[in-house]
Amino acid sequence: GDVFYSDVQRTVVVYNDDITGVYEASVSRDGSVMPIVADILIVKVGDIRYTISDWIGGWYDQYYEYGSRYAFAGTMEIDANNNLIHKSHSDPWGYDGSFSDSPAAV
């Protein structure tokens, strides 16, 4: 019989949903952005759980140079709709957050 040869190619896309990284914080106070440059570290510690080095963007820890004892470190989870869910530490101001990967922002 006849013999036919064929090539098959497959493209596999791997989605990286990990938001681990160092983020530059900006602080808005009384409707204006404050001139603060602070680095906030977010690290993945579980399937949907992350630690955050400072919920308030380094305001007291880095901007006023009070040190890490004044950082609001804690943990959070990201749900299927990219909502940040505060899991530990007191939520200093009661704000909710969200995550957008275009461009990457928390």
N, C-alpha and C. Protein backbone atom coordinates (compact mmCIF):
# COMPACT_ATOMS: atom_id res chain seq x y z
N GLY A 1 0.79 -1.17 0.00
CA GLY A 1 0.00 0.00 0.00
C GLY A 1 0.86 1.26 0.00
N ASP A 2 0.15 2.34 -0.09
CA ASP A 2 0.78 3.67 -0.09
C ASP A 2 1.22 4.04 1.32
N VAL A 3 2.31 4.78 1.42
CA VAL A 3 2.82 5.26 2.71
C VAL A 3 2.83 6.78 2.67
N PHE A 4 2.25 7.39 3.69
CA PHE A 4 2.23 8.85 3.79
C PHE A 4 2.96 9.27 5.05
N TYR A 5 3.77 10.28 4.92
CA TYR A 5 4.50 10.81 6.07
C TYR A 5 3.95 12.19 6.39
N SER A 6 3.93 12.50 7.67
CA SER A 6 3.38 13.80 8.08
C SER A 6 4.13 14.28 9.31
N ASP A 7 4.26 15.59 9.44
CA ASP A 7 4.84 16.19 10.64
C ASP A 7 3.73 16.88 11.42
N VAL A 8 3.83 16.79 12.71
CA VAL A 8 2.87 17.48 13.57
C VAL A 8 3.66 18.35 14.52
N GLN A 9 3.21 19.58 14.68
CA GLN A 9 3.84 20.48 15.65
C GLN A 9 2.80 20.89 16.67
N ARG A 10 3.26 21.05 17.87
CA ARG A 10 2.37 21.46 18.95
C ARG A 10 3.02 22.63 19.67
N THR A 11 2.24 23.65 19.95
CA THR A 11 2.71 24.79 20.72
C THR A 11 2.10 24.70 22.11
N VAL A 12 2.94 24.75 23.11
CA VAL A 12 2.48 24.69 24.50
C VAL A 12 2.80 26.03 25.15
N VAL A 13 1.80 26.65 25.72
CA VAL A 13 1.99 27.92 26.42
C VAL A 13 1.85 27.65 27.91
N VAL A 14 2.86 28.06 28.66
CA VAL A 14 2.82 27.90 30.12
C VAL A 14 2.55 29.26 30.72
N TYR A 15 1.46 29.36 31.45
CA TYR A 15 1.05 30.62 32.05
C TYR A 15 1.68 30.75 33.43
N ASN A 16 2.39 31.84 33.64
CA ASN A 16 3.02 32.09 34.94
C ASN A 16 2.16 33.07 35.71
N ASP A 17 1.43 32.58 36.69
CA ASP A 17 0.55 33.44 37.48
C ASP A 17 1.20 33.91 38.78
N ASP A 18 2.47 33.66 38.92
CA ASP A 18 3.19 34.04 40.14
C ASP A 18 3.53 35.53 40.09
N ILE A 19 3.11 36.28 41.11
CA ILE A 19 3.40 37.72 41.15
C ILE A 19 4.59 38.04 42.06
N THR A 20 5.37 37.01 42.43
CA THR A 20 6.55 37.23 43.26
C THR A 20 7.45 38.28 42.61
N GLY A 21 7.90 39.23 43.43
CA GLY A 21 8.81 40.24 42.90
C GLY A 21 8.94 41.41 43.84
N VAL A 22 9.76 42.36 43.42
CA VAL A 22 9.94 43.60 44.16
C VAL A 22 9.17 44.68 43.42
N TYR A 23 8.29 45.36 44.14
CA TYR A 23 7.44 46.40 43.56
C TYR A 23 7.83 47.75 44.13
N GLU A 24 7.81 48.77 43.30
CA GLU A 24 8.07 50.13 43.77
C GLU A 24 6.75 50.73 44.22
N ALA A 25 6.73 51.24 45.42
CA ALA A 25 5.50 51.79 45.99
C ALA A 25 5.39 53.28 45.71
N SER A 26 4.17 53.73 45.58
CA SER A 26 3.88 55.16 45.59
C SER A 26 2.73 55.35 46.57
N VAL A 27 2.74 56.44 47.28
CA VAL A 27 1.74 56.66 48.32
C VAL A 27 0.89 57.86 47.94
N SER A 28 -0.42 57.67 47.99
CA SER A 28 -1.35 58.76 47.75
C SER A 28 -1.94 59.17 49.09
N ARG A 29 -1.84 60.44 49.40
CA ARG A 29 -2.34 60.93 50.67
C ARG A 29 -3.06 62.24 50.43
N ASP A 30 -4.28 62.34 50.91
CA ASP A 30 -5.11 63.53 50.71
C ASP A 30 -5.25 63.87 49.24
N GLY A 31 -5.34 62.84 48.39
CA GLY A 31 -5.56 63.05 46.97
C GLY A 31 -4.34 63.36 46.14
N SER A 32 -3.17 63.45 46.75
CA SER A 32 -1.96 63.72 45.97
C SER A 32 -0.94 62.62 46.21
N VAL A 33 -0.12 62.38 45.20
CA VAL A 33 0.91 61.34 45.29
C VAL A 33 2.12 61.92 46.00
N MET A 34 2.58 61.21 47.02
CA MET A 34 3.73 61.66 47.81
C MET A 34 5.03 61.21 47.14
N PRO A 35 6.09 61.99 47.29
CA PRO A 35 7.38 61.63 46.68
C PRO A 35 8.10 60.56 47.50
N ILE A 36 7.63 59.33 47.40
CA ILE A 36 8.23 58.23 48.16
C ILE A 36 8.73 57.18 47.19
N VAL A 37 9.89 56.66 47.45
CA VAL A 37 10.40 55.53 46.68
C VAL A 37 10.70 54.44 47.70
N ALA A 38 9.91 53.39 47.65
CA ALA A 38 10.07 52.29 48.59
C ALA A 38 9.89 50.98 47.83
N ASP A 39 10.64 49.96 48.22
CA ASP A 39 10.53 48.65 47.60
C ASP A 39 9.70 47.74 48.48
N ILE A 40 8.70 47.11 47.88
CA ILE A 40 7.83 46.18 48.58
C ILE A 40 8.06 44.80 47.98
N LEU A 41 8.32 43.82 48.83
CA LEU A 41 8.61 42.47 48.38
C LEU A 41 7.36 41.61 48.55
N ILE A 42 6.98 40.91 47.47
CA ILE A 42 5.88 39.96 47.50
C ILE A 42 6.46 38.60 47.11
N VAL A 43 6.19 37.57 47.94
CA VAL A 43 6.76 36.24 47.72
C VAL A 43 5.64 35.20 47.80
N LYS A 44 5.59 34.33 46.80
CA LYS A 44 4.61 33.24 46.79
C LYS A 44 5.02 32.18 47.80
N VAL A 45 4.10 31.80 48.70
CA VAL A 45 4.40 30.80 49.72
C VAL A 45 3.43 29.62 49.68
N GLY A 46 2.51 29.62 48.73
CA GLY A 46 1.54 28.55 48.57
C GLY A 46 0.88 28.68 47.21
N ASP A 47 -0.10 27.83 46.94
CA ASP A 47 -0.76 27.87 45.63
C ASP A 47 -1.33 29.25 45.30
N ILE A 48 -2.02 29.87 46.26
CA ILE A 48 -2.61 31.19 46.05
C ILE A 48 -2.20 32.18 47.13
N ARG A 49 -1.31 31.77 48.01
CA ARG A 49 -0.92 32.61 49.16
C ARG A 49 0.43 33.27 48.94
N TYR A 50 0.52 34.53 49.36
CA TYR A 50 1.73 35.33 49.24
C TYR A 50 2.01 36.06 50.54
N THR A 51 3.29 36.35 50.78
CA THR A 51 3.64 37.27 51.86
C THR A 51 3.90 38.63 51.22
N ILE A 52 3.67 39.68 51.99
CA ILE A 52 3.94 41.04 51.53
C ILE A 52 4.74 41.73 52.62
N SER A 53 5.78 42.45 52.23
CA SER A 53 6.68 43.04 53.23
C SER A 53 6.08 44.27 53.91
N ASP A 54 5.17 44.97 53.25
CA ASP A 54 4.57 46.16 53.88
C ASP A 54 3.30 46.56 53.16
N TRP A 55 2.17 46.38 53.85
CA TRP A 55 0.87 46.74 53.27
C TRP A 55 0.77 48.23 52.96
N ILE A 56 1.49 49.08 53.64
CA ILE A 56 1.33 50.52 53.45
C ILE A 56 2.50 51.13 52.67
N GLY A 57 3.14 50.33 51.85
CA GLY A 57 4.09 50.84 50.88
C GLY A 57 5.37 51.42 51.43
N GLY A 58 5.81 50.98 52.59
CA GLY A 58 7.07 51.47 53.13
C GLY A 58 7.00 52.85 53.75
N TRP A 59 5.78 53.32 54.04
CA TRP A 59 5.59 54.70 54.54
C TRP A 59 6.41 54.99 55.79
N TYR A 60 6.25 54.17 56.82
CA TYR A 60 7.01 54.39 58.06
C TYR A 60 8.35 53.66 58.03
N ASP A 61 8.36 52.44 57.51
CA ASP A 61 9.56 51.62 57.47
C ASP A 61 10.67 52.27 56.65
N GLN A 62 10.38 52.70 55.43
CA GLN A 62 11.42 53.20 54.53
C GLN A 62 11.40 54.72 54.37
N TYR A 63 10.22 55.31 54.17
CA TYR A 63 10.15 56.75 53.93
C TYR A 63 10.61 57.55 55.14
N TYR A 64 10.06 57.21 56.31
CA TYR A 64 10.47 57.91 57.54
C TYR A 64 11.66 57.24 58.22
N GLU A 65 12.12 56.11 57.66
CA GLU A 65 13.29 55.37 58.15
C GLU A 65 13.15 54.92 59.60
N TYR A 66 11.93 54.53 60.00
CA TYR A 66 11.72 54.00 61.34
C TYR A 66 12.21 52.56 61.46
N GLY A 67 12.37 51.86 60.36
CA GLY A 67 12.85 50.49 60.38
C GLY A 67 11.74 49.47 60.19
N SER A 68 12.14 48.23 60.02
CA SER A 68 11.20 47.16 59.67
C SER A 68 10.16 46.87 60.74
N ARG A 69 10.39 47.27 61.98
CA ARG A 69 9.37 47.08 63.02
C ARG A 69 8.11 47.87 62.71
N TYR A 70 8.22 48.87 61.85
CA TYR A 70 7.08 49.71 61.50
C TYR A 70 6.46 49.36 60.15
N ALA A 71 6.89 48.25 59.57
CA ALA A 71 6.29 47.76 58.33
C ALA A 71 5.05 46.93 58.67
N PHE A 72 4.02 47.03 57.87
CA PHE A 72 2.80 46.24 58.07
C PHE A 72 2.90 44.98 57.21
N ALA A 73 3.80 44.08 57.58
CA ALA A 73 3.98 42.84 56.83
C ALA A 73 2.80 41.91 57.07
N GLY A 74 2.55 41.02 56.14
CA GLY A 74 1.46 40.08 56.32
C GLY A 74 1.35 39.10 55.17
N THR A 75 0.21 38.43 55.10
CA THR A 75 -0.05 37.48 54.03
C THR A 75 -1.35 37.84 53.34
N MET A 76 -1.44 37.39 52.08
CA MET A 76 -2.65 37.62 51.29
C MET A 76 -2.84 36.44 50.36
N GLU A 77 -4.04 36.33 49.81
CA GLU A 77 -4.33 35.34 48.79
C GLU A 77 -4.90 36.07 47.58
N ILE A 78 -4.75 35.45 46.42
CA ILE A 78 -5.34 36.00 45.19
C ILE A 78 -6.36 34.99 44.70
N ASP A 79 -7.64 35.42 44.60
CA ASP A 79 -8.69 34.51 44.18
C ASP A 79 -8.74 34.40 42.65
N ALA A 80 -9.69 33.62 42.14
CA ALA A 80 -9.79 33.38 40.70
C ALA A 80 -10.09 34.64 39.90
N ASN A 81 -10.62 35.68 40.55
CA ASN A 81 -10.92 36.95 39.87
C ASN A 81 -9.82 37.99 40.07
N ASN A 82 -8.65 37.56 40.55
CA ASN A 82 -7.50 38.43 40.81
C ASN A 82 -7.75 39.45 41.91
N ASN A 83 -8.63 39.14 42.85
CA ASN A 83 -8.83 40.00 44.01
C ASN A 83 -7.84 39.61 45.10
N LEU A 84 -7.25 40.61 45.75
CA LEU A 84 -6.37 40.35 46.87
C LEU A 84 -7.21 40.20 48.13
N ILE A 85 -6.98 39.13 48.85
CA ILE A 85 -7.72 38.86 50.08
C ILE A 85 -6.74 38.92 51.23
N HIS A 86 -6.94 39.87 52.10
CA HIS A 86 -6.07 40.08 53.25
C HIS A 86 -6.26 38.91 54.21
N LYS A 87 -5.17 38.22 54.57
CA LYS A 87 -5.26 37.04 55.43
C LYS A 87 -4.64 37.22 56.80
N SER A 88 -3.67 38.11 56.93
CA SER A 88 -3.06 38.28 58.25
C SER A 88 -2.59 39.70 58.44
N HIS A 89 -2.41 40.06 59.66
CA HIS A 89 -2.02 41.38 60.14
C HIS A 89 -3.25 42.27 60.09
N SER A 90 -3.23 43.28 60.89
CA SER A 90 -4.37 44.19 60.87
C SER A 90 -4.33 44.98 59.57
N ASP A 91 -5.48 45.11 58.95
CA ASP A 91 -5.58 45.89 57.71
C ASP A 91 -5.62 47.35 58.13
N PRO A 92 -4.52 48.09 57.97
CA PRO A 92 -4.40 49.42 58.57
C PRO A 92 -5.50 50.40 58.18
N TRP A 93 -5.98 50.33 56.94
CA TRP A 93 -6.95 51.34 56.51
C TRP A 93 -8.24 50.74 55.98
N GLY A 94 -8.34 49.43 55.92
CA GLY A 94 -9.57 48.80 55.48
C GLY A 94 -9.81 48.82 53.98
N TYR A 95 -8.77 49.03 53.18
CA TYR A 95 -8.95 49.06 51.74
C TYR A 95 -8.80 47.66 51.15
N ASP A 96 -9.59 47.36 50.14
CA ASP A 96 -9.43 46.13 49.38
C ASP A 96 -8.49 46.43 48.22
N GLY A 97 -8.00 45.39 47.58
CA GLY A 97 -7.09 45.59 46.46
C GLY A 97 -7.39 44.62 45.34
N SER A 98 -6.74 44.83 44.21
CA SER A 98 -6.85 43.90 43.10
C SER A 98 -5.52 43.86 42.36
N PHE A 99 -5.38 42.86 41.53
CA PHE A 99 -4.14 42.61 40.80
C PHE A 99 -4.44 42.65 39.31
N SER A 100 -3.64 43.36 38.56
CA SER A 100 -3.76 43.40 37.11
C SER A 100 -2.40 43.06 36.52
N ASP A 101 -2.37 42.14 35.56
CA ASP A 101 -1.08 41.77 34.99
C ASP A 101 -0.77 42.53 33.70
N SER A 102 -1.49 43.59 33.41
CA SER A 102 -1.25 44.34 32.18
C SER A 102 -1.37 45.83 32.41
N PRO A 103 -0.35 46.56 32.74
CA PRO A 103 0.96 46.07 33.17
C PRO A 103 0.88 45.53 34.59
N ALA A 104 1.87 44.78 35.02
CA ALA A 104 1.86 44.17 36.35
C ALA A 104 1.73 45.24 37.41
N ALA A 105 0.70 45.15 38.19
CA ALA A 105 0.45 46.12 39.25
C ALA A 105 -0.35 45.46 40.34
N VAL A 106 -0.09 45.84 41.55
CA VAL A 106 -0.85 45.32 42.69
C VAL A 106 -1.47 46.50 43.39
